[in-house]
Amino acid sequence: MFEKLKKRWQINSNLQLVVILIVFSITGSLSVLVRNPIFEYFSINADTNIFLRILLSILIITPTYQVLLLIVGTLFGQFRFFWNFEKKMLSRFQKKSNKTATKSC
């Protein structure tokens, strides 16, 4: 499994792989922790509609995660890896060109 990740992410070092996995875990935890004070600021709590809380969680956590991933990745000396990772991830959200749309029809 680790060899598959190393090949997919184009890295050679086991140490770099461990550092990258640590960055992902720290970033995920931090993005959820950051959500709580934001919810408190806007008075969003258990009494708020569950669907609204879920929607707001997604809208808050997604951009927060992107920013934190670059910050934490930089602190761990992996800015280049995570910058490329971010560009690839964000490109998936962009609208597909007409060429792609016509091929699928």
N, C-alpha and C. Protein backbone atom coordinates (compact mmCIF):
# COMPACT_ATOMS: atom_id res chain seq x y z
N MET A 1 0.82 -1.19 0.00
CA MET A 1 0.00 0.00 0.00
C MET A 1 0.87 1.26 0.00
N PHE A 2 1.91 1.26 0.82
CA PHE A 2 2.77 2.44 0.89
C PHE A 2 3.53 2.64 -0.41
N GLU A 3 3.94 1.55 -1.03
CA GLU A 3 4.65 1.66 -2.31
C GLU A 3 3.73 2.25 -3.39
N LYS A 4 2.46 1.89 -3.32
CA LYS A 4 1.48 2.42 -4.27
C LYS A 4 1.33 3.93 -4.10
N LEU A 5 1.27 4.39 -2.84
CA LEU A 5 1.18 5.83 -2.57
C LEU A 5 2.44 6.55 -3.03
N LYS A 6 3.59 5.96 -2.76
CA LYS A 6 4.85 6.59 -3.17
C LYS A 6 4.91 6.74 -4.69
N LYS A 7 4.45 5.73 -5.39
CA LYS A 7 4.46 5.80 -6.86
C LYS A 7 3.45 6.84 -7.35
N ARG A 8 2.25 6.82 -6.78
CA ARG A 8 1.21 7.76 -7.20
C ARG A 8 1.61 9.21 -6.94
N TRP A 9 2.23 9.46 -5.79
CA TRP A 9 2.62 10.82 -5.41
C TRP A 9 4.02 11.17 -5.91
N GLN A 10 4.67 10.24 -6.59
CA GLN A 10 6.00 10.44 -7.15
C GLN A 10 7.02 10.86 -6.10
N ILE A 11 7.07 10.10 -5.02
CA ILE A 11 8.08 10.32 -3.98
C ILE A 11 8.87 9.03 -3.80
N ASN A 12 10.09 9.16 -3.32
CA ASN A 12 10.96 8.00 -3.17
C ASN A 12 11.20 7.61 -1.73
N SER A 13 11.17 8.57 -0.85
CA SER A 13 11.57 8.36 0.53
C SER A 13 10.41 7.91 1.41
N ASN A 14 10.67 6.89 2.23
CA ASN A 14 9.69 6.48 3.23
C ASN A 14 9.45 7.58 4.25
N LEU A 15 10.51 8.31 4.58
CA LEU A 15 10.39 9.41 5.54
C LEU A 15 9.47 10.49 5.00
N GLN A 16 9.61 10.83 3.72
CA GLN A 16 8.74 11.84 3.12
C GLN A 16 7.29 11.37 3.14
N LEU A 17 7.06 10.10 2.88
CA LEU A 17 5.71 9.55 2.93
C LEU A 17 5.12 9.69 4.33
N VAL A 18 5.89 9.37 5.34
CA VAL A 18 5.42 9.49 6.72
C VAL A 18 5.10 10.94 7.05
N VAL A 19 5.97 11.86 6.65
CA VAL A 19 5.74 13.28 6.90
C VAL A 19 4.45 13.74 6.21
N ILE A 20 4.24 13.32 4.98
CA ILE A 20 3.03 13.70 4.24
C ILE A 20 1.78 13.17 4.94
N LEU A 21 1.82 11.93 5.39
CA LEU A 21 0.66 11.36 6.09
C LEU A 21 0.40 12.08 7.41
N ILE A 22 1.47 12.48 8.10
CA ILE A 22 1.31 13.25 9.34
C ILE A 22 0.67 14.60 9.04
N VAL A 23 1.11 15.25 7.98
CA VAL A 23 0.53 16.55 7.59
C VAL A 23 -0.96 16.39 7.30
N PHE A 24 -1.35 15.35 6.58
CA PHE A 24 -2.77 15.13 6.30
C PHE A 24 -3.56 14.94 7.59
N SER A 25 -3.02 14.18 8.52
CA SER A 25 -3.76 13.93 9.76
C SER A 25 -3.88 15.18 10.62
N ILE A 26 -2.81 15.94 10.73
CA ILE A 26 -2.85 17.19 11.51
C ILE A 26 -3.82 18.18 10.87
N THR A 27 -3.77 18.30 9.56
CA THR A 27 -4.63 19.25 8.86
C THR A 27 -6.11 18.89 9.02
N GLY A 28 -6.44 17.63 8.91
CA GLY A 28 -7.83 17.21 9.09
C GLY A 28 -8.35 17.54 10.47
N SER A 29 -7.54 17.26 11.48
CA SER A 29 -7.94 17.57 12.85
C SER A 29 -8.08 19.06 13.07
N LEU A 30 -7.12 19.83 12.57
CA LEU A 30 -7.17 21.29 12.74
C LEU A 30 -8.38 21.91 12.05
N SER A 31 -8.73 21.43 10.87
CA SER A 31 -9.85 22.03 10.15
C SER A 31 -11.16 21.81 10.90
N VAL A 32 -11.31 20.68 11.57
CA VAL A 32 -12.51 20.44 12.38
C VAL A 32 -12.48 21.31 13.63
N LEU A 33 -11.31 21.47 14.23
CA LEU A 33 -11.19 22.31 15.42
C LEU A 33 -11.49 23.78 15.12
N VAL A 34 -11.11 24.23 13.95
CA VAL A 34 -11.34 25.63 13.56
C VAL A 34 -12.83 25.88 13.34
N ARG A 35 -13.56 24.87 12.93
CA ARG A 35 -14.99 25.02 12.68
C ARG A 35 -15.74 25.42 13.95
N ASN A 36 -15.39 24.84 15.08
CA ASN A 36 -16.13 25.09 16.32
C ASN A 36 -16.19 26.56 16.72
N PRO A 37 -15.07 27.29 16.76
CA PRO A 37 -15.17 28.71 17.11
C PRO A 37 -15.97 29.52 16.08
N ILE A 38 -15.90 29.12 14.83
CA ILE A 38 -16.68 29.82 13.80
C ILE A 38 -18.17 29.58 14.04
N PHE A 39 -18.53 28.35 14.36
CA PHE A 39 -19.93 28.05 14.68
C PHE A 39 -20.39 28.84 15.90
N GLU A 40 -19.55 28.92 16.92
CA GLU A 40 -19.90 29.69 18.12
C GLU A 40 -20.10 31.16 17.78
N TYR A 41 -19.24 31.70 16.96
CA TYR A 41 -19.33 33.12 16.59
C TYR A 41 -20.67 33.42 15.91
N PHE A 42 -21.13 32.52 15.06
CA PHE A 42 -22.39 32.72 14.35
C PHE A 42 -23.58 32.09 15.07
N SER A 43 -23.39 31.66 16.31
CA SER A 43 -24.44 31.07 17.15
C SER A 43 -25.09 29.85 16.49
N ILE A 44 -24.27 29.04 15.87
CA ILE A 44 -24.76 27.79 15.29
C ILE A 44 -24.47 26.69 16.31
N ASN A 45 -25.54 26.03 16.78
CA ASN A 45 -25.38 25.02 17.82
C ASN A 45 -26.30 23.83 17.55
N ALA A 46 -26.50 22.98 18.56
CA ALA A 46 -27.31 21.77 18.39
C ALA A 46 -28.77 22.10 18.06
N ASP A 47 -29.21 23.30 18.39
CA ASP A 47 -30.59 23.70 18.09
C ASP A 47 -30.78 24.10 16.62
N THR A 48 -29.69 24.34 15.93
CA THR A 48 -29.75 24.72 14.51
C THR A 48 -30.14 23.49 13.68
N ASN A 49 -30.90 23.72 12.64
CA ASN A 49 -31.32 22.65 11.74
C ASN A 49 -30.12 21.81 11.31
N ILE A 50 -30.26 20.48 11.39
CA ILE A 50 -29.16 19.56 11.10
C ILE A 50 -28.65 19.72 9.66
N PHE A 51 -29.55 19.93 8.72
CA PHE A 51 -29.13 20.07 7.32
C PHE A 51 -28.34 21.36 7.11
N LEU A 52 -28.74 22.40 7.81
CA LEU A 52 -28.00 23.66 7.74
C LEU A 52 -26.61 23.50 8.37
N ARG A 53 -26.55 22.79 9.50
CA ARG A 53 -25.24 22.55 10.14
C ARG A 53 -24.32 21.75 9.24
N ILE A 54 -24.85 20.73 8.58
CA ILE A 54 -24.04 19.92 7.68
C ILE A 54 -23.54 20.76 6.51
N LEU A 55 -24.43 21.53 5.91
CA LEU A 55 -24.06 22.38 4.78
C LEU A 55 -23.00 23.40 5.20
N LEU A 56 -23.20 24.04 6.34
CA LEU A 56 -22.23 25.03 6.81
C LEU A 56 -20.90 24.37 7.17
N SER A 57 -20.95 23.17 7.71
CA SER A 57 -19.70 22.45 8.01
C SER A 57 -18.89 22.22 6.75
N ILE A 58 -19.57 21.78 5.71
CA ILE A 58 -18.87 21.54 4.43
C ILE A 58 -18.31 22.85 3.88
N LEU A 59 -19.13 23.90 3.92
CA LEU A 59 -18.69 25.19 3.37
C LEU A 59 -17.56 25.81 4.18
N ILE A 60 -17.49 25.52 5.46
CA ILE A 60 -16.42 26.07 6.30
C ILE A 60 -15.18 25.19 6.25
N ILE A 61 -15.37 23.88 6.37
CA ILE A 61 -14.22 22.98 6.46
C ILE A 61 -13.45 22.90 5.15
N THR A 62 -14.12 22.88 4.02
CA THR A 62 -13.43 22.70 2.73
C THR A 62 -12.38 23.77 2.47
N PRO A 63 -12.72 25.06 2.49
CA PRO A 63 -11.66 26.06 2.25
C PRO A 63 -10.65 26.13 3.38
N THR A 64 -11.12 25.90 4.60
CA THR A 64 -10.20 25.91 5.75
C THR A 64 -9.15 24.82 5.58
N TYR A 65 -9.60 23.64 5.16
CA TYR A 65 -8.68 22.52 4.95
C TYR A 65 -7.63 22.86 3.90
N GLN A 66 -8.05 23.49 2.81
CA GLN A 66 -7.12 23.83 1.73
C GLN A 66 -6.01 24.74 2.23
N VAL A 67 -6.39 25.76 2.98
CA VAL A 67 -5.41 26.72 3.49
C VAL A 67 -4.51 26.07 4.52
N LEU A 68 -5.12 25.33 5.45
CA LEU A 68 -4.32 24.68 6.50
C LEU A 68 -3.36 23.64 5.92
N LEU A 69 -3.77 22.97 4.86
CA LEU A 69 -2.89 21.97 4.25
C LEU A 69 -1.60 22.61 3.75
N LEU A 70 -1.72 23.77 3.14
CA LEU A 70 -0.52 24.48 2.68
C LEU A 70 0.32 24.98 3.85
N ILE A 71 -0.33 25.50 4.88
CA ILE A 71 0.40 26.02 6.04
C ILE A 71 1.14 24.90 6.76
N VAL A 72 0.42 23.84 7.10
CA VAL A 72 1.04 22.73 7.83
C VAL A 72 2.09 22.04 6.95
N GLY A 73 1.78 21.86 5.68
CA GLY A 73 2.75 21.27 4.76
C GLY A 73 4.03 22.08 4.67
N THR A 74 3.90 23.39 4.67
CA THR A 74 5.07 24.27 4.63
C THR A 74 5.88 24.14 5.91
N LEU A 75 5.20 24.09 7.05
CA LEU A 75 5.90 23.94 8.34
C LEU A 75 6.69 22.64 8.40
N PHE A 76 6.20 21.62 7.69
CA PHE A 76 6.90 20.34 7.66
C PHE A 76 7.84 20.21 6.46
N GLY A 77 8.05 21.30 5.74
CA GLY A 77 9.00 21.30 4.63
C GLY A 77 8.50 20.62 3.37
N GLN A 78 7.19 20.56 3.20
CA GLN A 78 6.62 19.87 2.04
C GLN A 78 5.74 20.78 1.20
N PHE A 79 6.09 22.07 1.15
CA PHE A 79 5.26 23.02 0.42
C PHE A 79 5.06 22.60 -1.03
N ARG A 80 6.11 22.25 -1.72
CA ARG A 80 6.01 21.92 -3.16
C ARG A 80 5.04 20.76 -3.39
N PHE A 81 5.15 19.72 -2.57
CA PHE A 81 4.24 18.57 -2.72
C PHE A 81 2.79 19.01 -2.54
N PHE A 82 2.53 19.74 -1.47
CA PHE A 82 1.14 20.11 -1.17
C PHE A 82 0.62 21.20 -2.11
N TRP A 83 1.48 22.05 -2.63
CA TRP A 83 1.05 23.03 -3.62
C TRP A 83 0.58 22.31 -4.89
N ASN A 84 1.36 21.34 -5.34
CA ASN A 84 0.96 20.55 -6.51
C ASN A 84 -0.30 19.74 -6.23
N PHE A 85 -0.39 19.21 -5.02
CA PHE A 85 -1.57 18.44 -4.61
C PHE A 85 -2.81 19.33 -4.64
N GLU A 86 -2.69 20.55 -4.12
CA GLU A 86 -3.81 21.51 -4.11
C GLU A 86 -4.24 21.87 -5.53
N LYS A 87 -3.27 22.15 -6.39
CA LYS A 87 -3.61 22.51 -7.77
C LYS A 87 -4.38 21.38 -8.44
N LYS A 88 -3.94 20.16 -8.21
CA LYS A 88 -4.62 19.01 -8.81
C LYS A 88 -6.02 18.86 -8.23
N MET A 89 -6.16 19.03 -6.92
CA MET A 89 -7.45 18.89 -6.27
C MET A 89 -8.42 19.98 -6.74
N LEU A 90 -7.94 21.21 -6.81
CA LEU A 90 -8.81 22.32 -7.21
C LEU A 90 -9.20 22.23 -8.68
N SER A 91 -8.34 21.64 -9.50
CA SER A 91 -8.67 21.51 -10.93
C SER A 91 -9.87 20.58 -11.12
N ARG A 92 -10.12 19.71 -10.18
CA ARG A 92 -11.27 18.81 -10.27
C ARG A 92 -12.59 19.55 -10.07
N PHE A 93 -12.54 20.70 -9.41
CA PHE A 93 -13.75 21.49 -9.18
C PHE A 93 -14.07 22.42 -10.34
N GLN A 94 -13.12 22.62 -11.24
CA GLN A 94 -13.34 23.53 -12.35
C GLN A 94 -14.29 22.92 -13.37
N LYS A 95 -15.00 23.80 -14.06
CA LYS A 95 -15.94 23.37 -15.09
C LYS A 95 -15.19 22.68 -16.22
N LYS A 96 -15.75 21.58 -16.68
CA LYS A 96 -15.15 20.85 -17.79
C LYS A 96 -15.33 21.64 -19.08
N SER A 97 -14.39 21.48 -20.00
CA SER A 97 -14.49 22.18 -21.29
C SER A 97 -15.56 21.52 -22.16
N ASN A 98 -15.96 22.19 -23.22
CA ASN A 98 -16.98 21.65 -24.12
C ASN A 98 -16.51 20.39 -24.84
N LYS A 99 -15.21 20.25 -25.05
CA LYS A 99 -14.69 19.06 -25.70
C LYS A 99 -15.02 17.83 -24.88
N THR A 100 -14.83 17.92 -23.58
CA THR A 100 -15.12 16.79 -22.70
C THR A 100 -16.61 16.51 -22.68
N ALA A 101 -17.42 17.55 -22.65
CA ALA A 101 -18.87 17.39 -22.59
C ALA A 101 -19.41 16.73 -23.87
N THR A 102 -18.87 17.08 -25.03
CA THR A 102 -19.37 16.52 -26.28
C THR A 102 -18.91 15.08 -26.47
N LYS A 103 -17.77 14.73 -25.93
CA LYS A 103 -17.29 13.35 -26.06
C LYS A 103 -18.18 12.38 -25.29
N SER A 104 -18.72 12.83 -24.15
CA SER A 104 -19.50 11.92 -23.33
C SER A 104 -20.91 11.73 -23.86
N CYS A 105 -21.37 12.58 -24.79
CA CYS A 105 -22.75 12.47 -25.31
C CYS A 105 -22.87 11.45 -26.39
